[in-house]
Amino acid sequence: MSDDDDDGPRQPAREALWQRLAVGAVALSIRLVGALPTWVAYPVGILMAVPWFLFWSIKDRRGRRTSGYWRNVRIAFRPGSPLGERRPNGHLWRWSKHIAWLAIDFCRMHRLTQANVHAHCDLAEYPRIAAVFAQQKGLIFATGHIGVWDVSGYAAGLLGLPLTSVFRPSPLPALNRLIERLRTGSGQTVVARKNVLRTLLRVLGDKQAVGILADGGGKHSAVEAPFLGTSSRTVASPALLHLATGAPIVVVAVLRTGWMRYRLRVLDVVEHAATGDRDADMLAITARINRGLTQGIREAPEQWFWQSRRFRHRPAGEVPGPDGLPPLAK
């Protein structure tokens, strides 16, 4: 059919009833958990952590799969690793609580306001961010699945930072709308990550801020850089944007210090002078971001996504060590 045969803009397909009911149930659960007192909500999270803990207590304990908790801790905690040789005592249980408390934090972050954000968040390092933003070059936040990243974007909106964050959409449009509404309640803007670079370039051109989860990477990622001591394919977007716009990169994490208590960490500020060797510049910038994120994980080793596929895609021609693990980066 040609464009001339089009009678007008097409209406989006009506979502299936089960999808609307499921998202409605999620919205109700979020509201109920958000209404609970703090002293009730987080102990409920501890109960939620039990099945997660039991699952990973038996799931692939030898770490033979290409991803998962045990595989990742074998890679990250070994001699020569920046996290050290020994996995901390109680790490699996404390990580399980962290995963459950992330859900509690998300349900309750609407309780953060301009009036109380300083009471809930230790923002002693925020002036460093404000000073970089005052250069009026735009600002690139590189963070990761460390601490409470949803809270960090929400708090930025409360502090008046014009932040546009990238998120990974779900297959359910109704769920996307719900999550977007919750994340943007403080003034933050969110955009889906597909074909998003042009939008981010425009935001930086307007001297505003963008936020990117930079601790991921897949088979199509352009850069291989050390992460937790092991070479890994890594998201290249922060480096690309930095080289294209000159906007500084601030590597940050917001770590949980208690029940609805958080601390902002500025892990590095990257202002890289381009050398003319684009590949070398991309690697240098990305490696520095990864070092900053590694520092954040070192400070709170239970507050990272240890079940992720971070080390699944390996560099071509890599030879595993005698233990079957990827070699440590040199």
C-alpha atoms as a PDB file:
ATOM      1  CA  MET A   1       0.000   0.000   0.000  1.00  0.00           C
ATOM      2  CA  SER A   2       1.364   3.453  -0.889  1.00  0.00           C
ATOM      3  CA  ASP A   3       1.435   6.449   1.400  1.00  0.00           C
ATOM      4  CA  ASP A   4      -1.399   7.936  -0.650  1.00  0.00           C
ATOM      5  CA  ASP A   5      -3.647   5.115   0.528  1.00  0.00           C
ATOM      6  CA  ASP A   6      -3.051   5.936   4.174  1.00  0.00           C
ATOM      7  CA  ASP A   7      -6.133   7.491   5.740  1.00  0.00           C
ATOM      8  CA  GLY A   8      -4.190   9.053   8.595  1.00  0.00           C
ATOM      9  CA  PRO A   9      -1.997   8.144  11.535  1.00  0.00           C
ATOM     10  CA  ARG A  10      -2.448   4.602  12.719  1.00  0.00           C
ATOM     11  CA  GLN A  11      -3.797   4.042  16.194  1.00  0.00           C
ATOM     12  CA  PRO A  12      -1.566   1.954  18.457  1.00  0.00           C
ATOM     13  CA  ALA A  13      -2.748  -1.592  18.935  1.00  0.00           C
ATOM     14  CA  ARG A  14      -4.879  -2.068  22.025  1.00  0.00           C
ATOM     15  CA  GLU A  15      -2.910  -3.772  24.745  1.00  0.00           C
ATOM     16  CA  ALA A  16      -4.013  -7.220  25.826  1.00  0.00           C
ATOM     17  CA  LEU A  17      -6.237  -7.348  28.889  1.00  0.00           C
ATOM     18  CA  TRP A  18      -3.782  -9.558  30.764  1.00  0.00           C
ATOM     19  CA  GLN A  19      -1.052  -6.955  30.266  1.00  0.00           C
ATOM     20  CA  ARG A  20      -3.192  -4.161  31.646  1.00  0.00           C
ATOM     21  CA  LEU A  21      -4.248  -6.305  34.609  1.00  0.00           C
ATOM     22  CA  ALA A  22      -0.650  -7.350  35.330  1.00  0.00           C
ATOM     23  CA  VAL A  23       0.637  -3.776  35.211  1.00  0.00           C
ATOM     24  CA  GLY A  24      -2.292  -2.657  37.351  1.00  0.00           C
ATOM     25  CA  ALA A  25      -1.311  -5.246  39.954  1.00  0.00           C
ATOM     26  CA  VAL A  26       2.292  -4.017  39.848  1.00  0.00           C
ATOM     27  CA  ALA A  27       1.130  -0.418  40.293  1.00  0.00           C
ATOM     28  CA  LEU A  28      -1.008  -1.422  43.276  1.00  0.00           C
ATOM     29  CA  SER A  29       1.895  -3.327  44.849  1.00  0.00           C
ATOM     30  CA  ILE A  30       4.185  -0.318  44.411  1.00  0.00           C
ATOM     31  CA  ARG A  31       1.614   1.920  46.055  1.00  0.00           C
ATOM     32  CA  LEU A  32       1.089  -0.461  48.975  1.00  0.00           C
ATOM     33  CA  VAL A  33       4.800  -0.950  49.643  1.00  0.00           C
ATOM     34  CA  GLY A  34       5.371   2.782  49.275  1.00  0.00           C
ATOM     35  CA  ALA A  35       2.760   3.436  51.952  1.00  0.00           C
ATOM     36  CA  LEU A  36       4.369   1.141  54.519  1.00  0.00           C
ATOM     37  CA  PRO A  37       6.386   2.674  57.355  1.00  0.00           C
ATOM     38  CA  THR A  38      10.141   2.335  56.927  1.00  0.00           C
ATOM     39  CA  TRP A  39      10.421  -0.079  59.863  1.00  0.00           C
ATOM     40  CA  VAL A  40       7.943  -2.411  58.140  1.00  0.00           C
ATOM     41  CA  ALA A  41       8.939  -2.010  54.467  1.00  0.00           C
ATOM     42  CA  TYR A  42      12.572  -3.054  54.722  1.00  0.00           C
ATOM     43  CA  PRO A  43      11.967  -6.137  56.926  1.00  0.00           C
ATOM     44  CA  VAL A  44       9.415  -7.173  54.278  1.00  0.00           C
ATOM     45  CA  GLY A  45      12.292  -6.849  51.824  1.00  0.00           C
ATOM     46  CA  ILE A  46      14.336  -9.234  53.961  1.00  0.00           C
ATOM     47  CA  LEU A  47      11.585 -11.832  53.565  1.00  0.00           C
ATOM     48  CA  MET A  48      11.633 -11.215  49.811  1.00  0.00           C
ATOM     49  CA  ALA A  49      15.391 -11.864  49.805  1.00  0.00           C
ATOM     50  CA  VAL A  50      15.079 -15.409  51.149  1.00  0.00           C
ATOM     51  CA  PRO A  51      13.991 -17.157  47.909  1.00  0.00           C
ATOM     52  CA  TRP A  52      16.619 -15.205  45.942  1.00  0.00           C
ATOM     53  CA  PHE A  53      19.274 -16.326  48.421  1.00  0.00           C
ATOM     54  CA  LEU A  54      18.121 -19.954  48.312  1.00  0.00           C
ATOM     55  CA  PHE A  55      18.033 -19.956  44.515  1.00  0.00           C
ATOM     56  CA  TRP A  56      21.617 -18.737  44.168  1.00  0.00           C
ATOM     57  CA  SER A  57      22.771 -20.970  47.018  1.00  0.00           C
ATOM     58  CA  ILE A  58      22.257 -23.971  44.732  1.00  0.00           C
ATOM     59  CA  LYS A  59      22.309 -22.478  41.190  1.00  0.00           C
ATOM     60  CA  ASP A  60      25.586 -23.331  39.422  1.00  0.00           C
ATOM     61  CA  ARG A  61      27.695 -23.154  42.564  1.00  0.00           C
ATOM     62  CA  ARG A  62      30.793 -24.182  40.618  1.00  0.00           C
ATOM     63  CA  GLY A  63      30.383 -21.165  38.322  1.00  0.00           C
ATOM     64  CA  ARG A  64      30.627 -23.223  35.144  1.00  0.00           C
ATOM     65  CA  ARG A  65      28.080 -21.185  33.183  1.00  0.00           C
ATOM     66  CA  THR A  66      29.046 -18.032  31.285  1.00  0.00           C
ATOM     67  CA  SER A  67      27.143 -15.765  33.677  1.00  0.00           C
ATOM     68  CA  GLY A  68      25.443 -15.759  37.065  1.00  0.00           C
ATOM     69  CA  TYR A  69      26.420 -15.024  40.652  1.00  0.00           C
ATOM     70  CA  TRP A  70      28.992 -17.771  41.162  1.00  0.00           C
ATOM     71  CA  ARG A  71      30.693 -17.248  37.820  1.00  0.00           C
ATOM     72  CA  ASN A  72      31.034 -13.525  38.442  1.00  0.00           C
ATOM     73  CA  VAL A  73      32.368 -13.828  41.988  1.00  0.00           C
ATOM     74  CA  ARG A  74      34.943 -16.389  40.810  1.00  0.00           C
ATOM     75  CA  ILE A  75      36.148 -13.863  38.226  1.00  0.00           C
ATOM     76  CA  ALA A  76      36.046 -10.818  40.518  1.00  0.00           C
ATOM     77  CA  PHE A  77      37.451 -12.310  43.741  1.00  0.00           C
ATOM     78  CA  ARG A  78      40.794 -13.980  42.990  1.00  0.00           C
ATOM     79  CA  PRO A  79      44.495 -13.241  43.410  1.00  0.00           C
ATOM     80  CA  GLY A  80      45.473 -10.103  41.530  1.00  0.00           C
ATOM     81  CA  SER A  81      41.903  -8.771  41.278  1.00  0.00           C
ATOM     82  CA  PRO A  82      41.208  -5.193  42.469  1.00  0.00           C
ATOM     83  CA  LEU A  83      38.535  -6.627  44.794  1.00  0.00           C
ATOM     84  CA  GLY A  84      41.007  -8.971  46.411  1.00  0.00           C
ATOM     85  CA  GLU A  85      41.276 -12.718  46.667  1.00  0.00           C
ATOM     86  CA  ARG A  86      38.515 -13.466  49.181  1.00  0.00           C
ATOM     87  CA  ARG A  87      34.799 -13.003  48.716  1.00  0.00           C
ATOM     88  CA  PRO A  88      33.523 -11.163  51.812  1.00  0.00           C
ATOM     89  CA  ASN A  89      31.835 -13.240  54.483  1.00  0.00           C
ATOM     90  CA  GLY A  90      28.065 -13.274  54.072  1.00  0.00           C
ATOM     91  CA  HIS A  91      28.339 -11.725  50.612  1.00  0.00           C
ATOM     92  CA  LEU A  92      25.564 -13.827  49.036  1.00  0.00           C
ATOM     93  CA  TRP A  93      23.047 -13.014  51.780  1.00  0.00           C
ATOM     94  CA  ARG A  94      23.899  -9.317  51.900  1.00  0.00           C
ATOM     95  CA  TRP A  95      23.658  -9.147  48.097  1.00  0.00           C
ATOM     96  CA  SER A  96      20.281 -10.913  48.228  1.00  0.00           C
ATOM     97  CA  LYS A  97      19.010  -8.302  50.694  1.00  0.00           C
ATOM     98  CA  HIS A  98      20.329  -5.549  48.453  1.00  0.00           C
ATOM     99  CA  ILE A  99      18.401  -6.889  45.440  1.00  0.00           C
ATOM    100  CA  ALA A 100      15.187  -7.040  47.475  1.00  0.00           C
ATOM    101  CA  TRP A 101      15.769  -3.604  48.976  1.00  0.00           C
ATOM    102  CA  LEU A 102      16.217  -2.156  45.486  1.00  0.00           C
ATOM    103  CA  ALA A 103      12.545  -2.941  44.931  1.00  0.00           C
ATOM    104  CA  ILE A 104      11.648  -1.328  48.247  1.00  0.00           C
ATOM    105  CA  ASP A 105      13.707   1.767  47.412  1.00  0.00           C
ATOM    106  CA  PHE A 106      11.978   2.071  44.036  1.00  0.00           C
ATOM    107  CA  CYS A 107       8.518   1.889  45.637  1.00  0.00           C
ATOM    108  CA  ARG A 108       9.454   4.538  48.214  1.00  0.00           C
ATOM    109  CA  MET A 109      11.557   7.010  46.249  1.00  0.00           C
ATOM    110  CA  HIS A 110       8.518   9.248  45.723  1.00  0.00           C
ATOM    111  CA  ARG A 111       8.915  10.057  49.420  1.00  0.00           C
ATOM    112  CA  LEU A 112      12.086  11.977  48.579  1.00  0.00           C
ATOM    113  CA  THR A 113      11.359  15.685  48.199  1.00  0.00           C
ATOM    114  CA  GLN A 114      13.362  18.860  47.807  1.00  0.00           C
ATOM    115  CA  ALA A 115      12.747  19.480  51.517  1.00  0.00           C
ATOM    116  CA  ASN A 116      14.099  16.139  52.784  1.00  0.00           C
ATOM    117  CA  VAL A 117      16.555  14.917  50.145  1.00  0.00           C
ATOM    118  CA  HIS A 118      19.545  16.116  52.205  1.00  0.00           C
ATOM    119  CA  ALA A 119      18.218  14.239  55.233  1.00  0.00           C
ATOM    120  CA  HIS A 120      18.072  10.965  53.301  1.00  0.00           C
ATOM    121  CA  CYS A 121      21.134  11.431  51.073  1.00  0.00           C
ATOM    122  CA  ASP A 122      24.668  12.322  52.115  1.00  0.00           C
ATOM    123  CA  LEU A 123      25.477  14.864  49.401  1.00  0.00           C
ATOM    124  CA  ALA A 124      28.823  16.052  50.733  1.00  0.00           C
ATOM    125  CA  GLU A 125      30.434  15.353  47.341  1.00  0.00           C
ATOM    126  CA  TYR A 126      27.742  17.094  45.296  1.00  0.00           C
ATOM    127  CA  PRO A 127      29.601  20.451  45.102  1.00  0.00           C
ATOM    128  CA  ARG A 128      32.197  18.720  42.922  1.00  0.00           C
ATOM    129  CA  ILE A 129      29.442  17.853  40.442  1.00  0.00           C
ATOM    130  CA  ALA A 130      27.992  21.352  40.619  1.00  0.00           C
ATOM    131  CA  ALA A 131      31.402  22.846  39.844  1.00  0.00           C
ATOM    132  CA  VAL A 132      31.802  20.660  36.741  1.00  0.00           C
ATOM    133  CA  PHE A 133      28.277  21.440  35.558  1.00  0.00           C
ATOM    134  CA  ALA A 134      28.959  25.151  36.026  1.00  0.00           C
ATOM    135  CA  GLN A 135      31.515  24.958  33.203  1.00  0.00           C
ATOM    136  CA  GLN A 136      28.460  24.928  30.876  1.00  0.00           C
ATOM    137  CA  LYS A 137      29.836  22.203  28.635  1.00  0.00           C
ATOM    138  CA  GLY A 138      27.066  19.744  29.405  1.00  0.00           C
ATOM    139  CA  LEU A 139      27.635  16.786  31.703  1.00  0.00           C
ATOM    140  CA  ILE A 140      27.761  13.004  31.212  1.00  0.00           C
ATOM    141  CA  PHE A 141      26.982  10.885  34.262  1.00  0.00           C
ATOM    142  CA  ALA A 142      28.484   7.403  33.921  1.00  0.00           C
ATOM    143  CA  THR A 143      27.111   5.112  36.595  1.00  0.00           C
ATOM    144  CA  GLY A 144      26.200   1.452  36.762  1.00  0.00           C
ATOM    145  CA  HIS A 145      24.084  -1.172  38.455  1.00  0.00           C
ATOM    146  CA  ILE A 146      25.809  -0.183  41.678  1.00  0.00           C
ATOM    147  CA  GLY A 147      23.966   0.981  44.760  1.00  0.00           C
ATOM    148  CA  VAL A 148      20.589   2.580  44.034  1.00  0.00           C
ATOM    149  CA  TRP A 149      20.778   4.001  40.525  1.00  0.00           C
ATOM    150  CA  ASP A 150      17.044   4.786  40.287  1.00  0.00           C
ATOM    151  CA  VAL A 151      17.287   6.881  43.441  1.00  0.00           C
ATOM    152  CA  SER A 152      20.312   8.710  42.022  1.00  0.00           C
ATOM    153  CA  GLY A 153      18.394   9.904  38.957  1.00  0.00           C
ATOM    154  CA  TYR A 154      15.380  10.834  41.044  1.00  0.00           C
ATOM    155  CA  ALA A 155      17.523  12.817  43.495  1.00  0.00           C
ATOM    156  CA  ALA A 156      19.228  14.653  40.622  1.00  0.00           C
ATOM    157  CA  GLY A 157      15.846  15.983  39.554  1.00  0.00           C
ATOM    158  CA  LEU A 158      15.163  17.204  43.087  1.00  0.00           C
ATOM    159  CA  LEU A 159      18.494  19.023  43.087  1.00  0.00           C
ATOM    160  CA  GLY A 160      17.543  20.893  39.928  1.00  0.00           C
ATOM    161  CA  LEU A 161      19.901  19.117  37.532  1.00  0.00           C
ATOM    162  CA  PRO A 162      18.334  18.943  34.030  1.00  0.00           C
ATOM    163  CA  LEU A 163      19.042  15.215  33.674  1.00  0.00           C
ATOM    164  CA  THR A 164      18.056  12.908  30.824  1.00  0.00           C
ATOM    165  CA  SER A 165      18.630   9.249  31.700  1.00  0.00           C
ATOM    166  CA  VAL A 166      18.712   6.249  29.403  1.00  0.00           C
ATOM    167  CA  PHE A 167      16.663   3.183  30.356  1.00  0.00           C
ATOM    168  CA  ARG A 168      16.107  -0.272  28.928  1.00  0.00           C
ATOM    169  CA  PRO A 169      12.409  -0.628  28.056  1.00  0.00           C
ATOM    170  CA  SER A 170      10.375  -3.731  28.836  1.00  0.00           C
ATOM    171  CA  PRO A 171       8.244  -5.509  26.208  1.00  0.00           C
ATOM    172  CA  LEU A 172       5.088  -4.194  27.923  1.00  0.00           C
ATOM    173  CA  PRO A 173       4.214  -0.598  26.945  1.00  0.00           C
ATOM    174  CA  ALA A 174       1.928  -0.177  29.960  1.00  0.00           C
ATOM    175  CA  LEU A 175       4.760  -1.168  32.302  1.00  0.00           C
ATOM    176  CA  ASN A 176       7.088   1.274  30.554  1.00  0.00           C
ATOM    177  CA  ARG A 177       4.593   4.079  31.118  1.00  0.00           C
ATOM    178  CA  LEU A 178       4.275   3.194  34.795  1.00  0.00           C
ATOM    179  CA  ILE A 179       8.036   3.086  35.382  1.00  0.00           C
ATOM    180  CA  GLU A 180       8.562   6.267  33.382  1.00  0.00           C
ATOM    181  CA  ARG A 181       5.939   8.070  35.459  1.00  0.00           C
ATOM    182  CA  LEU A 182       7.641   7.013  38.695  1.00  0.00           C
ATOM    183  CA  ARG A 183      11.156   7.883  37.522  1.00  0.00           C
ATOM    184  CA  THR A 184      10.194  11.299  36.186  1.00  0.00           C
ATOM    185  CA  GLY A 185       8.294  12.417  39.280  1.00  0.00           C
ATOM    186  CA  SER A 186      11.169  14.649  40.404  1.00  0.00           C
ATOM    187  CA  GLY A 187      11.755  16.353  37.042  1.00  0.00           C
ATOM    188  CA  GLN A 188      14.159  13.825  35.520  1.00  0.00           C
ATOM    189  CA  THR A 189      13.603  12.916  31.846  1.00  0.00           C
ATOM    190  CA  VAL A 190      14.008   9.316  30.654  1.00  0.00           C
ATOM    191  CA  VAL A 191      14.508   7.986  27.137  1.00  0.00           C
ATOM    192  CA  ALA A 192      14.643   4.425  25.792  1.00  0.00           C
ATOM    193  CA  ARG A 193      18.126   3.296  24.909  1.00  0.00           C
ATOM    194  CA  LYS A 194      17.438   2.227  21.297  1.00  0.00           C
ATOM    195  CA  ASN A 195      18.865   4.710  18.756  1.00  0.00           C
ATOM    196  CA  VAL A 196      19.306   7.249  21.530  1.00  0.00           C
ATOM    197  CA  LEU A 197      22.664   8.878  20.674  1.00  0.00           C
ATOM    198  CA  ARG A 198      21.126  11.658  18.589  1.00  0.00           C
ATOM    199  CA  THR A 199      18.847  12.604  21.487  1.00  0.00           C
ATOM    200  CA  LEU A 200      21.758  12.628  23.937  1.00  0.00           C
ATOM    201  CA  LEU A 201      23.861  14.760  21.604  1.00  0.00           C
ATOM    202  CA  ARG A 202      21.042  17.287  21.456  1.00  0.00           C
ATOM    203  CA  VAL A 203      20.730  17.331  25.254  1.00  0.00           C
ATOM    204  CA  LEU A 204      24.471  17.898  25.649  1.00  0.00           C
ATOM    205  CA  GLY A 205      24.348  20.556  22.944  1.00  0.00           C
ATOM    206  CA  ASP A 206      21.852  22.370  25.173  1.00  0.00           C
ATOM    207  CA  LYS A 207      24.438  22.178  28.015  1.00  0.00           C
ATOM    208  CA  GLN A 208      22.315  19.810  30.063  1.00  0.00           C
ATOM    209  CA  ALA A 209      23.158  16.451  31.662  1.00  0.00           C
ATOM    210  CA  VAL A 210      22.716  12.858  30.539  1.00  0.00           C
ATOM    211  CA  GLY A 211      22.897   9.688  32.631  1.00  0.00           C
ATOM    212  CA  ILE A 212      24.088   6.338  31.282  1.00  0.00           C
ATOM    213  CA  LEU A 213      24.432   2.941  32.942  1.00  0.00           C
ATOM    214  CA  ALA A 214      27.964   2.210  31.806  1.00  0.00           C
ATOM    215  CA  ASP A 215      28.749  -1.129  33.477  1.00  0.00           C
ATOM    216  CA  GLY A 216      27.208  -3.278  30.742  1.00  0.00           C
ATOM    217  CA  GLY A 217      28.471  -4.622  27.474  1.00  0.00           C
ATOM    218  CA  GLY A 218      27.599  -7.222  24.863  1.00  0.00           C
ATOM    219  CA  LYS A 219      28.971  -8.816  21.743  1.00  0.00           C
ATOM    220  CA  HIS A 220      28.383  -5.627  19.733  1.00  0.00           C
ATOM    221  CA  SER A 221      30.110  -3.298  22.217  1.00  0.00           C
ATOM    222  CA  ALA A 222      32.952  -1.427  20.545  1.00  0.00           C
ATOM    223  CA  VAL A 223      35.500  -1.326  23.382  1.00  0.00           C
ATOM    224  CA  GLU A 224      37.241  -4.019  25.424  1.00  0.00           C
ATOM    225  CA  ALA A 225      38.505  -2.589  28.708  1.00  0.00           C
ATOM    226  CA  PRO A 226      39.358  -3.977  32.155  1.00  0.00           C
ATOM    227  CA  PHE A 227      36.434  -4.235  34.568  1.00  0.00           C
ATOM    228  CA  LEU A 228      36.935  -5.732  38.024  1.00  0.00           C
ATOM    229  CA  GLY A 229      40.359  -6.742  36.765  1.00  0.00           C
ATOM    230  CA  THR A 230      39.188  -8.672  33.705  1.00  0.00           C
ATOM    231  CA  SER A 231      39.027  -7.445  30.112  1.00  0.00           C
ATOM    232  CA  SER A 232      35.373  -7.047  29.098  1.00  0.00           C
ATOM    233  CA  ARG A 233      33.308  -5.680  26.263  1.00  0.00           C
ATOM    234  CA  THR A 234      32.001  -2.357  27.535  1.00  0.00           C
ATOM    235  CA  VAL A 235      29.369   0.222  26.640  1.00  0.00           C
ATOM    236  CA  ALA A 236      31.091   2.899  24.555  1.00  0.00           C
ATOM    237  CA  SER A 237      28.402   5.607  24.679  1.00  0.00           C
ATOM    238  CA  PRO A 238      29.994   7.821  27.376  1.00  0.00           C
ATOM    239  CA  ALA A 239      33.329   7.884  25.512  1.00  0.00           C
ATOM    240  CA  LEU A 240      31.634   8.573  22.173  1.00  0.00           C
ATOM    241  CA  LEU A 241      29.635  11.454  23.627  1.00  0.00           C
ATOM    242  CA  HIS A 242      32.656  12.889  25.415  1.00  0.00           C
ATOM    243  CA  LEU A 243      34.781  12.922  22.262  1.00  0.00           C
ATOM    244  CA  ALA A 244      31.936  14.362  20.194  1.00  0.00           C
ATOM    245  CA  THR A 245      30.906  17.171  22.567  1.00  0.00           C
ATOM    246  CA  GLY A 246      33.715  17.766  25.065  1.00  0.00           C
ATOM    247  CA  ALA A 247      31.221  17.366  27.929  1.00  0.00           C
ATOM    248  CA  PRO A 248      33.001  16.113  31.079  1.00  0.00           C
ATOM    249  CA  ILE A 249      32.209  12.633  32.379  1.00  0.00           C
ATOM    250  CA  VAL A 250      31.452  12.258  36.077  1.00  0.00           C
ATOM    251  CA  VAL A 251      31.626   8.658  37.286  1.00  0.00           C
ATOM    252  CA  VAL A 252      29.176   8.347  40.167  1.00  0.00           C
ATOM    253  CA  ALA A 253      27.366   5.897  42.398  1.00  0.00           C
ATOM    254  CA  VAL A 254      24.753   6.373  45.088  1.00  0.00           C
ATOM    255  CA  LEU A 255      25.375   3.694  47.726  1.00  0.00           C
ATOM    256  CA  ARG A 256      22.884   2.568  50.330  1.00  0.00           C
ATOM    257  CA  THR A 257      24.046   3.181  53.900  1.00  0.00           C
ATOM    258  CA  GLY A 258      20.834   2.191  55.691  1.00  0.00           C
ATOM    259  CA  TRP A 259      17.073   2.000  55.342  1.00  0.00           C
ATOM    260  CA  MET A 260      16.287   4.847  52.950  1.00  0.00           C
ATOM    261  CA  ARG A 261      19.704   6.316  53.648  1.00  0.00           C
ATOM    262  CA  TYR A 262      22.150   6.888  50.808  1.00  0.00           C
ATOM    263  CA  ARG A 263      25.550   8.404  50.078  1.00  0.00           C
ATOM    264  CA  LEU A 264      26.654  10.042  46.837  1.00  0.00           C
ATOM    265  CA  ARG A 265      30.121   9.034  45.644  1.00  0.00           C
ATOM    266  CA  VAL A 266      31.967  10.914  42.935  1.00  0.00           C
ATOM    267  CA  LEU A 267      34.387   8.232  41.771  1.00  0.00           C
ATOM    268  CA  ASP A 268      36.152  10.184  39.010  1.00  0.00           C
ATOM    269  CA  VAL A 269      35.848  13.193  36.711  1.00  0.00           C
ATOM    270  CA  VAL A 270      37.051  12.535  33.172  1.00  0.00           C
ATOM    271  CA  GLU A 271      38.128  15.399  30.904  1.00  0.00           C
ATOM    272  CA  HIS A 272      40.160  13.637  28.257  1.00  0.00           C
ATOM    273  CA  ALA A 273      42.180  15.600  25.730  1.00  0.00           C
ATOM    274  CA  ALA A 274      41.729  13.870  22.367  1.00  0.00           C
ATOM    275  CA  THR A 275      44.986  12.636  20.828  1.00  0.00           C
ATOM    276  CA  GLY A 276      43.727  12.100  17.293  1.00  0.00           C
ATOM    277  CA  ASP A 277      43.851   8.322  17.731  1.00  0.00           C
ATOM    278  CA  ARG A 278      40.152   7.641  18.171  1.00  0.00           C
ATOM    279  CA  ASP A 279      40.497   3.981  19.174  1.00  0.00           C
ATOM    280  CA  ALA A 280      43.133   4.767  21.778  1.00  0.00           C
ATOM    281  CA  ASP A 281      41.041   7.632  23.163  1.00  0.00           C
ATOM    282  CA  MET A 282      37.943   5.432  23.385  1.00  0.00           C
ATOM    283  CA  LEU A 283      39.890   2.767  25.258  1.00  0.00           C
ATOM    284  CA  ALA A 284      41.530   5.243  27.641  1.00  0.00           C
ATOM    285  CA  ILE A 285      38.220   6.910  28.536  1.00  0.00           C
ATOM    286  CA  THR A 286      36.314   3.644  28.940  1.00  0.00           C
ATOM    287  CA  ALA A 287      39.069   2.076  31.030  1.00  0.00           C
ATOM    288  CA  ARG A 288      39.009   5.073  33.343  1.00  0.00           C
ATOM    289  CA  ILE A 289      35.219   4.838  33.738  1.00  0.00           C
ATOM    290  CA  ASN A 290      35.553   1.145  34.531  1.00  0.00           C
ATOM    291  CA  ARG A 291      38.206   1.900  37.165  1.00  0.00           C
ATOM    292  CA  GLY A 292      35.837   4.340  38.813  1.00  0.00           C
ATOM    293  CA  LEU A 293      32.966   1.860  38.817  1.00  0.00           C
ATOM    294  CA  THR A 294      35.280  -0.814  40.171  1.00  0.00           C
ATOM    295  CA  GLN A 295      36.112   1.529  43.049  1.00  0.00           C
ATOM    296  CA  GLY A 296      32.382   1.885  43.777  1.00  0.00           C
ATOM    297  CA  ILE A 297      31.975  -1.903  43.881  1.00  0.00           C
ATOM    298  CA  ARG A 298      35.030  -2.199  46.118  1.00  0.00           C
ATOM    299  CA  GLU A 299      33.400   0.166  48.614  1.00  0.00           C
ATOM    300  CA  ALA A 300      30.100  -1.768  48.673  1.00  0.00           C
ATOM    301  CA  PRO A 301      30.781  -5.213  47.164  1.00  0.00           C
ATOM    302  CA  GLU A 302      27.262  -6.495  47.841  1.00  0.00           C
ATOM    303  CA  GLN A 303      25.640  -3.600  45.962  1.00  0.00           C
ATOM    304  CA  TRP A 304      26.288  -4.666  42.361  1.00  0.00           C
ATOM    305  CA  PHE A 305      24.313  -6.849  39.907  1.00  0.00           C
ATOM    306  CA  TRP A 306      26.287 -10.026  40.540  1.00  0.00           C
ATOM    307  CA  GLN A 307      23.882 -12.133  38.476  1.00  0.00           C
ATOM    308  CA  SER A 308      24.634 -10.123  35.316  1.00  0.00           C
ATOM    309  CA  ARG A 309      26.142 -11.315  32.025  1.00  0.00           C
ATOM    310  CA  ARG A 310      29.004  -8.862  32.343  1.00  0.00           C
ATOM    311  CA  PHE A 311      31.775 -11.311  31.406  1.00  0.00           C
ATOM    312  CA  ARG A 312      29.845 -13.529  29.020  1.00  0.00           C
ATOM    313  CA  HIS A 313      31.237 -12.221  25.709  1.00  0.00           C
ATOM    314  CA  ARG A 314      34.959 -12.742  25.587  1.00  0.00           C
ATOM    315  CA  PRO A 315      37.627 -11.158  23.338  1.00  0.00           C
ATOM    316  CA  ALA A 316      38.437 -13.092  20.179  1.00  0.00           C
ATOM    317  CA  GLY A 317      41.284 -15.564  20.626  1.00  0.00           C
ATOM    318  CA  GLU A 318      41.308 -15.340  24.424  1.00  0.00           C
ATOM    319  CA  VAL A 319      42.768 -18.391  26.170  1.00  0.00           C
ATOM    320  CA  PRO A 320      41.231 -19.190  29.590  1.00  0.00           C
ATOM    321  CA  GLY A 321      43.537 -19.844  32.505  1.00  0.00           C
ATOM    322  CA  PRO A 322      44.010 -23.247  34.171  1.00  0.00           C
ATOM    323  CA  ASP A 323      41.005 -22.459  36.374  1.00  0.00           C
ATOM    324  CA  GLY A 324      38.799 -22.013  33.298  1.00  0.00           C
ATOM    325  CA  LEU A 325      38.401 -18.281  33.964  1.00  0.00           C
ATOM    326  CA  PRO A 326      39.284 -15.374  31.682  1.00  0.00           C
ATOM    327  CA  PRO A 327      42.815 -14.144  32.397  1.00  0.00           C
ATOM    328  CA  LEU A 328      43.354 -11.049  34.492  1.00  0.00           C
ATOM    329  CA  ALA A 329      43.852  -7.885  32.461  1.00  0.00           C
ATOM    330  CA  LYS A 330      47.433  -6.683  32.269  1.00  0.00           C
END
